[in-house]
């Protein structure tokens, strides 16, 4: 499986569309346990990426993701801009300037992105954050056999992200604004984990369309 900058351009475009569709729901979730701006911020950031895509250097996957990450950091407030921006920046750094990357290289980049999010947000499993959706998704891809079907592996990763989101919904948050609410945050889905599950579902859909 070879992944190109054009594949990632298509992924970013589709993710922006999905975020726009889910903007109100993400904002509703964040209004219950956060600042009430997650959907608004994510939509603003992804729209900024869409506006920049025609002018972004797309000769290699790494440059595209690094520039997308910088757009998020520069245009999005709150926690989502720095965290998602770091995710894409770390991915881009690992992918480097190769015109095409292998499946294993891409999964390694996702691992680096996850590690960047953990380092930036200081979140651990069960803190009820985006890490609880992102970590199981990356692990699902890492555990897939080298010769297995790529879309099938991405489908498992998307399912793992959704399951991680749902698993921590009953928990009390230990990071972010939701942690201030104590027991009142229990039972509310985490907006960051929700948008992360959306990201991996979009990644699956991007390559399903190409299968």
C-alpha atoms as a PDB file:
ATOM      1  CA  UNK A   1       0.000   0.000   0.000  1.00  0.00           C
ATOM      2  CA  UNK A   2       1.450   3.344  -1.093  1.00  0.00           C
ATOM      3  CA  UNK A   3       0.143   6.613   0.349  1.00  0.00           C
ATOM      4  CA  UNK A   4       0.699   9.882  -1.465  1.00  0.00           C
ATOM      5  CA  UNK A   5       0.318  13.561  -0.669  1.00  0.00           C
ATOM      6  CA  UNK A   6      -2.775  13.531  -2.869  1.00  0.00           C
ATOM      7  CA  UNK A   7      -4.312  10.846  -0.632  1.00  0.00           C
ATOM      8  CA  UNK A   8      -3.717  13.073   2.388  1.00  0.00           C
ATOM      9  CA  UNK A   9      -5.036  16.137   0.593  1.00  0.00           C
ATOM     10  CA  UNK A  10      -8.230  14.169  -0.045  1.00  0.00           C
ATOM     11  CA  UNK A  11      -8.329  13.081   3.601  1.00  0.00           C
ATOM     12  CA  UNK A  12      -7.991  16.663   4.876  1.00  0.00           C
ATOM     13  CA  UNK A  13     -10.722  17.827   2.510  1.00  0.00           C
ATOM     14  CA  UNK A  14     -13.088  15.082   3.636  1.00  0.00           C
ATOM     15  CA  UNK A  15     -12.284  15.628   7.315  1.00  0.00           C
ATOM     16  CA  UNK A  16     -13.041  19.337   6.938  1.00  0.00           C
ATOM     17  CA  UNK A  17     -16.418  18.459   5.428  1.00  0.00           C
ATOM     18  CA  UNK A  18     -17.199  16.009   8.223  1.00  0.00           C
ATOM     19  CA  UNK A  19     -16.226  18.517  10.907  1.00  0.00           C
ATOM     20  CA  UNK A  20     -18.473  21.115   9.285  1.00  0.00           C
ATOM     21  CA  UNK A  21     -21.344  18.626   9.310  1.00  0.00           C
ATOM     22  CA  UNK A  22     -20.755  17.714  12.968  1.00  0.00           C
ATOM     23  CA  UNK A  23     -19.913  21.255  14.118  1.00  0.00           C
ATOM     24  CA  UNK A  24     -23.116  21.783  16.090  1.00  0.00           C
ATOM     25  CA  UNK A  25     -22.975  18.358  17.710  1.00  0.00           C
ATOM     26  CA  UNK A  26     -19.346  18.813  18.758  1.00  0.00           C
ATOM     27  CA  UNK A  27     -20.228  22.224  20.167  1.00  0.00           C
ATOM     28  CA  UNK A  28     -23.213  20.760  22.014  1.00  0.00           C
ATOM     29  CA  UNK A  29     -21.022  18.096  23.596  1.00  0.00           C
ATOM     30  CA  UNK A  30     -18.448  20.691  24.604  1.00  0.00           C
ATOM     31  CA  UNK A  31     -21.134  22.959  26.044  1.00  0.00           C
ATOM     32  CA  UNK A  32     -22.011  20.214  28.523  1.00  0.00           C
ATOM     33  CA  UNK A  33     -18.520  19.685  29.957  1.00  0.00           C
ATOM     34  CA  UNK A  34     -16.174  22.231  28.384  1.00  0.00           C
ATOM     35  CA  UNK A  35     -15.974  25.727  26.954  1.00  0.00           C
ATOM     36  CA  UNK A  36     -18.648  25.127  24.337  1.00  0.00           C
ATOM     37  CA  UNK A  37     -16.368  25.917  21.407  1.00  0.00           C
ATOM     38  CA  UNK A  38     -14.882  22.628  20.202  1.00  0.00           C
ATOM     39  CA  UNK A  39     -17.044  22.359  17.107  1.00  0.00           C
ATOM     40  CA  UNK A  40     -16.606  26.037  16.301  1.00  0.00           C
ATOM     41  CA  UNK A  41     -12.837  25.870  16.717  1.00  0.00           C
ATOM     42  CA  UNK A  42     -12.381  22.660  14.772  1.00  0.00           C
ATOM     43  CA  UNK A  43     -14.522  23.972  11.933  1.00  0.00           C
ATOM     44  CA  UNK A  44     -12.550  27.220  11.835  1.00  0.00           C
ATOM     45  CA  UNK A  45      -9.246  25.355  11.738  1.00  0.00           C
ATOM     46  CA  UNK A  46     -10.264  22.887   9.050  1.00  0.00           C
ATOM     47  CA  UNK A  47     -11.726  25.676   6.926  1.00  0.00           C
ATOM     48  CA  UNK A  48      -8.366  27.465   7.218  1.00  0.00           C
ATOM     49  CA  UNK A  49      -6.650  24.334   5.952  1.00  0.00           C
ATOM     50  CA  UNK A  50      -9.094  24.065   3.048  1.00  0.00           C
ATOM     51  CA  UNK A  51      -8.459  27.683   2.100  1.00  0.00           C
ATOM     52  CA  UNK A  52      -4.713  27.061   2.186  1.00  0.00           C
ATOM     53  CA  UNK A  53      -4.674  23.710   0.365  1.00  0.00           C
ATOM     54  CA  UNK A  54      -4.420  25.121  -3.174  1.00  0.00           C
ATOM     55  CA  UNK A  55      -1.257  26.977  -2.209  1.00  0.00           C
ATOM     56  CA  UNK A  56       0.291  24.372   0.066  1.00  0.00           C
ATOM     57  CA  UNK A  57       3.354  22.593  -1.176  1.00  0.00           C
ATOM     58  CA  UNK A  58       2.085  19.107  -1.801  1.00  0.00           C
ATOM     59  CA  UNK A  59       5.068  17.439  -3.437  1.00  0.00           C
ATOM     60  CA  UNK A  60       5.418  15.246  -0.387  1.00  0.00           C
ATOM     61  CA  UNK A  61       3.111  14.003   2.368  1.00  0.00           C
ATOM     62  CA  UNK A  62       5.276  15.328   5.184  1.00  0.00           C
ATOM     63  CA  UNK A  63       5.262  18.929   3.996  1.00  0.00           C
ATOM     64  CA  UNK A  64       1.518  18.868   3.482  1.00  0.00           C
ATOM     65  CA  UNK A  65       0.798  17.625   7.002  1.00  0.00           C
ATOM     66  CA  UNK A  66       3.307  19.973   8.624  1.00  0.00           C
ATOM     67  CA  UNK A  67       1.791  22.973   6.901  1.00  0.00           C
ATOM     68  CA  UNK A  68      -1.712  21.801   7.827  1.00  0.00           C
ATOM     69  CA  UNK A  69      -0.591  21.493  11.445  1.00  0.00           C
ATOM     70  CA  UNK A  70       0.795  25.013  11.441  1.00  0.00           C
ATOM     71  CA  UNK A  71      -2.501  26.341  10.066  1.00  0.00           C
ATOM     72  CA  UNK A  72      -4.366  24.718  12.939  1.00  0.00           C
ATOM     73  CA  UNK A  73      -2.009  26.100  15.559  1.00  0.00           C
ATOM     74  CA  UNK A  74      -2.162  29.607  14.114  1.00  0.00           C
ATOM     75  CA  UNK A  75      -5.929  29.806  13.612  1.00  0.00           C
ATOM     76  CA  UNK A  76      -7.557  27.728  16.351  1.00  0.00           C
ATOM     77  CA  UNK A  77      -7.875  28.742  19.976  1.00  0.00           C
ATOM     78  CA  UNK A  78      -8.454  26.554  22.978  1.00  0.00           C
ATOM     79  CA  UNK A  79      -6.870  23.130  23.291  1.00  0.00           C
ATOM     80  CA  UNK A  80      -7.908  21.668  19.950  1.00  0.00           C
ATOM     81  CA  UNK A  81      -5.641  23.826  17.765  1.00  0.00           C
ATOM     82  CA  UNK A  82      -2.379  23.048  19.576  1.00  0.00           C
ATOM     83  CA  UNK A  83      -3.273  19.366  20.046  1.00  0.00           C
ATOM     84  CA  UNK A  84      -4.454  18.594  16.529  1.00  0.00           C
ATOM     85  CA  UNK A  85      -1.751  20.869  15.144  1.00  0.00           C
ATOM     86  CA  UNK A  86       0.901  18.944  17.050  1.00  0.00           C
ATOM     87  CA  UNK A  87      -0.603  15.677  15.818  1.00  0.00           C
ATOM     88  CA  UNK A  88      -0.226  16.681  12.169  1.00  0.00           C
ATOM     89  CA  UNK A  89       3.172  18.313  12.705  1.00  0.00           C
ATOM     90  CA  UNK A  90       4.618  15.190  14.309  1.00  0.00           C
ATOM     91  CA  UNK A  91       3.169  13.038  11.539  1.00  0.00           C
ATOM     92  CA  UNK A  92       4.688  15.305   8.905  1.00  0.00           C
ATOM     93  CA  UNK A  93       8.084  15.261  10.566  1.00  0.00           C
ATOM     94  CA  UNK A  94       8.187  11.464  10.530  1.00  0.00           C
ATOM     95  CA  UNK A  95       7.056  11.233   6.912  1.00  0.00           C
ATOM     96  CA  UNK A  96       9.734  13.696   5.809  1.00  0.00           C
ATOM     97  CA  UNK A  97      10.152  14.605   2.165  1.00  0.00           C
ATOM     98  CA  UNK A  98       9.314  11.273   0.548  1.00  0.00           C
ATOM     99  CA  UNK A  99       6.978  11.613  -2.404  1.00  0.00           C
ATOM    100  CA  UNK A 100       5.272   8.361  -1.454  1.00  0.00           C
ATOM    101  CA  UNK A 101       5.168   6.545   1.887  1.00  0.00           C
ATOM    102  CA  UNK A 102       4.453   2.959   2.789  1.00  0.00           C
ATOM    103  CA  UNK A 103       1.695   1.758   5.028  1.00  0.00           C
ATOM    104  CA  UNK A 104       4.212   1.023   7.798  1.00  0.00           C
ATOM    105  CA  UNK A 105       5.669   4.527   7.521  1.00  0.00           C
ATOM    106  CA  UNK A 106       2.212   6.049   7.748  1.00  0.00           C
ATOM    107  CA  UNK A 107       1.309   4.021  10.833  1.00  0.00           C
ATOM    108  CA  UNK A 108       4.621   5.051  12.419  1.00  0.00           C
ATOM    109  CA  UNK A 109       3.694   8.662  11.696  1.00  0.00           C
ATOM    110  CA  UNK A 110       0.325   8.174  13.422  1.00  0.00           C
ATOM    111  CA  UNK A 111       2.181   6.790  16.453  1.00  0.00           C
ATOM    112  CA  UNK A 112       4.415   9.878  16.482  1.00  0.00           C
ATOM    113  CA  UNK A 113       1.326  12.080  16.230  1.00  0.00           C
ATOM    114  CA  UNK A 114      -0.226  10.316  19.208  1.00  0.00           C
ATOM    115  CA  UNK A 115       2.973  10.717  21.220  1.00  0.00           C
ATOM    116  CA  UNK A 116       2.979  14.413  20.351  1.00  0.00           C
ATOM    117  CA  UNK A 117      -0.577  14.811  21.622  1.00  0.00           C
ATOM    118  CA  UNK A 118       0.301  13.000  24.856  1.00  0.00           C
ATOM    119  CA  UNK A 119       3.382  15.179  25.365  1.00  0.00           C
ATOM    120  CA  UNK A 120       1.518  18.399  24.595  1.00  0.00           C
ATOM    121  CA  UNK A 121      -1.602  17.665  26.637  1.00  0.00           C
ATOM    122  CA  UNK A 122       0.004  15.550  29.383  1.00  0.00           C
ATOM    123  CA  UNK A 123      -2.986  13.190  29.099  1.00  0.00           C
ATOM    124  CA  UNK A 124      -2.916   9.504  29.913  1.00  0.00           C
ATOM    125  CA  UNK A 125      -5.408   6.703  29.240  1.00  0.00           C
ATOM    126  CA  UNK A 126      -8.683   7.104  31.157  1.00  0.00           C
ATOM    127  CA  UNK A 127      -8.216  10.855  31.618  1.00  0.00           C
ATOM    128  CA  UNK A 128     -11.227  11.155  29.266  1.00  0.00           C
ATOM    129  CA  UNK A 129      -9.574  13.027  26.406  1.00  0.00           C
ATOM    130  CA  UNK A 130      -8.893  12.541  22.711  1.00  0.00           C
ATOM    131  CA  UNK A 131      -6.061  10.175  23.701  1.00  0.00           C
ATOM    132  CA  UNK A 132      -8.647   7.595  24.771  1.00  0.00           C
ATOM    133  CA  UNK A 133      -9.883   7.389  21.174  1.00  0.00           C
ATOM    134  CA  UNK A 134      -6.566   7.955  19.412  1.00  0.00           C
ATOM    135  CA  UNK A 135      -4.436   5.397  21.282  1.00  0.00           C
ATOM    136  CA  UNK A 136      -6.605   2.322  20.586  1.00  0.00           C
ATOM    137  CA  UNK A 137      -6.980   3.362  16.935  1.00  0.00           C
ATOM    138  CA  UNK A 138      -3.215   3.585  16.449  1.00  0.00           C
ATOM    139  CA  UNK A 139      -2.710   0.319  18.318  1.00  0.00           C
ATOM    140  CA  UNK A 140      -5.259  -1.392  16.071  1.00  0.00           C
ATOM    141  CA  UNK A 141      -3.303  -0.325  12.995  1.00  0.00           C
ATOM    142  CA  UNK A 142      -0.004  -1.398  14.533  1.00  0.00           C
ATOM    143  CA  UNK A 143      -1.381  -4.844  15.350  1.00  0.00           C
ATOM    144  CA  UNK A 144      -2.718  -5.462  11.836  1.00  0.00           C
ATOM    145  CA  UNK A 145      -0.669  -7.975   9.872  1.00  0.00           C
ATOM    146  CA  UNK A 146       1.564  -6.489   7.205  1.00  0.00           C
ATOM    147  CA  UNK A 147      -0.244  -8.317   4.452  1.00  0.00           C
ATOM    148  CA  UNK A 148      -3.756  -7.570   5.676  1.00  0.00           C
ATOM    149  CA  UNK A 149      -6.174  -5.398   3.754  1.00  0.00           C
ATOM    150  CA  UNK A 150      -5.535  -1.684   4.376  1.00  0.00           C
ATOM    151  CA  UNK A 151      -9.188  -0.651   4.350  1.00  0.00           C
ATOM    152  CA  UNK A 152     -10.024  -3.493   6.725  1.00  0.00           C
ATOM    153  CA  UNK A 153      -7.253  -2.338   9.076  1.00  0.00           C
ATOM    154  CA  UNK A 154      -8.541   1.249   8.913  1.00  0.00           C
ATOM    155  CA  UNK A 155     -12.064  -0.007   9.605  1.00  0.00           C
ATOM    156  CA  UNK A 156     -10.821  -1.750  12.738  1.00  0.00           C
ATOM    157  CA  UNK A 157      -8.973   1.412  13.762  1.00  0.00           C
ATOM    158  CA  UNK A 158     -12.101   3.527  13.308  1.00  0.00           C
ATOM    159  CA  UNK A 159     -14.052   1.029  15.382  1.00  0.00           C
ATOM    160  CA  UNK A 160     -11.387   1.098  18.090  1.00  0.00           C
ATOM    161  CA  UNK A 161     -11.501   4.901  18.204  1.00  0.00           C
ATOM    162  CA  UNK A 162     -15.291   4.879  18.565  1.00  0.00           C
ATOM    163  CA  UNK A 163     -15.091   2.183  21.242  1.00  0.00           C
ATOM    164  CA  UNK A 164     -12.464   4.207  23.119  1.00  0.00           C
ATOM    165  CA  UNK A 165     -14.699   7.281  23.000  1.00  0.00           C
ATOM    166  CA  UNK A 166     -17.642   5.284  24.336  1.00  0.00           C
ATOM    167  CA  UNK A 167     -15.586   3.478  26.970  1.00  0.00           C
ATOM    168  CA  UNK A 168     -14.604   6.681  28.761  1.00  0.00           C
ATOM    169  CA  UNK A 169     -18.009   8.376  28.488  1.00  0.00           C
ATOM    170  CA  UNK A 170     -19.103   7.103  31.938  1.00  0.00           C
ATOM    171  CA  UNK A 171     -15.839   8.231  33.558  1.00  0.00           C
ATOM    172  CA  UNK A 172     -15.027  11.393  35.488  1.00  0.00           C
ATOM    173  CA  UNK A 173     -12.647  13.549  33.464  1.00  0.00           C
ATOM    174  CA  UNK A 174      -9.158  14.075  34.844  1.00  0.00           C
ATOM    175  CA  UNK A 175      -7.901  16.613  32.299  1.00  0.00           C
ATOM    176  CA  UNK A 176      -9.187  19.779  30.707  1.00  0.00           C
ATOM    177  CA  UNK A 177     -12.164  21.951  31.606  1.00  0.00           C
ATOM    178  CA  UNK A 178     -14.325  18.866  32.138  1.00  0.00           C
ATOM    179  CA  UNK A 179     -12.143  17.862  35.104  1.00  0.00           C
ATOM    180  CA  UNK A 180     -13.468  20.892  37.000  1.00  0.00           C
ATOM    181  CA  UNK A 181     -16.969  19.411  36.972  1.00  0.00           C
ATOM    182  CA  UNK A 182     -16.091  16.278  38.920  1.00  0.00           C
ATOM    183  CA  UNK A 183     -18.898  13.716  38.934  1.00  0.00           C
ATOM    184  CA  UNK A 184     -21.071  15.965  36.755  1.00  0.00           C
ATOM    185  CA  UNK A 185     -18.867  15.143  33.769  1.00  0.00           C
ATOM    186  CA  UNK A 186     -19.593  11.419  34.103  1.00  0.00           C
ATOM    187  CA  UNK A 187     -21.933  10.171  31.406  1.00  0.00           C
ATOM    188  CA  UNK A 188     -21.119  12.943  28.934  1.00  0.00           C
ATOM    189  CA  UNK A 189     -19.130  12.002  25.798  1.00  0.00           C
ATOM    190  CA  UNK A 190     -15.797  13.799  25.546  1.00  0.00           C
ATOM    191  CA  UNK A 191     -15.824  16.186  22.579  1.00  0.00           C
ATOM    192  CA  UNK A 192     -12.123  15.650  21.807  1.00  0.00           C
ATOM    193  CA  UNK A 193     -12.522  11.883  21.782  1.00  0.00           C
ATOM    194  CA  UNK A 194     -15.587  12.353  19.577  1.00  0.00           C
ATOM    195  CA  UNK A 195     -13.754  14.441  16.989  1.00  0.00           C
ATOM    196  CA  UNK A 196     -10.847  11.976  17.079  1.00  0.00           C
ATOM    197  CA  UNK A 197     -13.225   9.100  16.340  1.00  0.00           C
ATOM    198  CA  UNK A 198     -14.501  11.213  13.446  1.00  0.00           C
ATOM    199  CA  UNK A 199     -10.927  11.663  12.199  1.00  0.00           C
ATOM    200  CA  UNK A 200     -10.267   7.919  12.041  1.00  0.00           C
ATOM    201  CA  UNK A 201     -13.662   7.254  10.454  1.00  0.00           C
ATOM    202  CA  UNK A 202     -12.737   9.824   7.807  1.00  0.00           C
ATOM    203  CA  UNK A 203      -9.351   8.170   7.274  1.00  0.00           C
ATOM    204  CA  UNK A 204     -11.158   4.879   6.658  1.00  0.00           C
ATOM    205  CA  UNK A 205     -13.591   6.527   4.240  1.00  0.00           C
ATOM    206  CA  UNK A 206     -10.776   8.232   2.341  1.00  0.00           C
ATOM    207  CA  UNK A 207      -9.214   4.940   1.354  1.00  0.00           C
ATOM    208  CA  UNK A 208     -12.493   3.040   1.061  1.00  0.00           C
ATOM    209  CA  UNK A 209     -13.385   5.364  -1.791  1.00  0.00           C
ATOM    210  CA  UNK A 210     -10.123   4.344  -3.501  1.00  0.00           C
ATOM    211  CA  UNK A 211     -10.499   0.611  -2.962  1.00  0.00           C
END
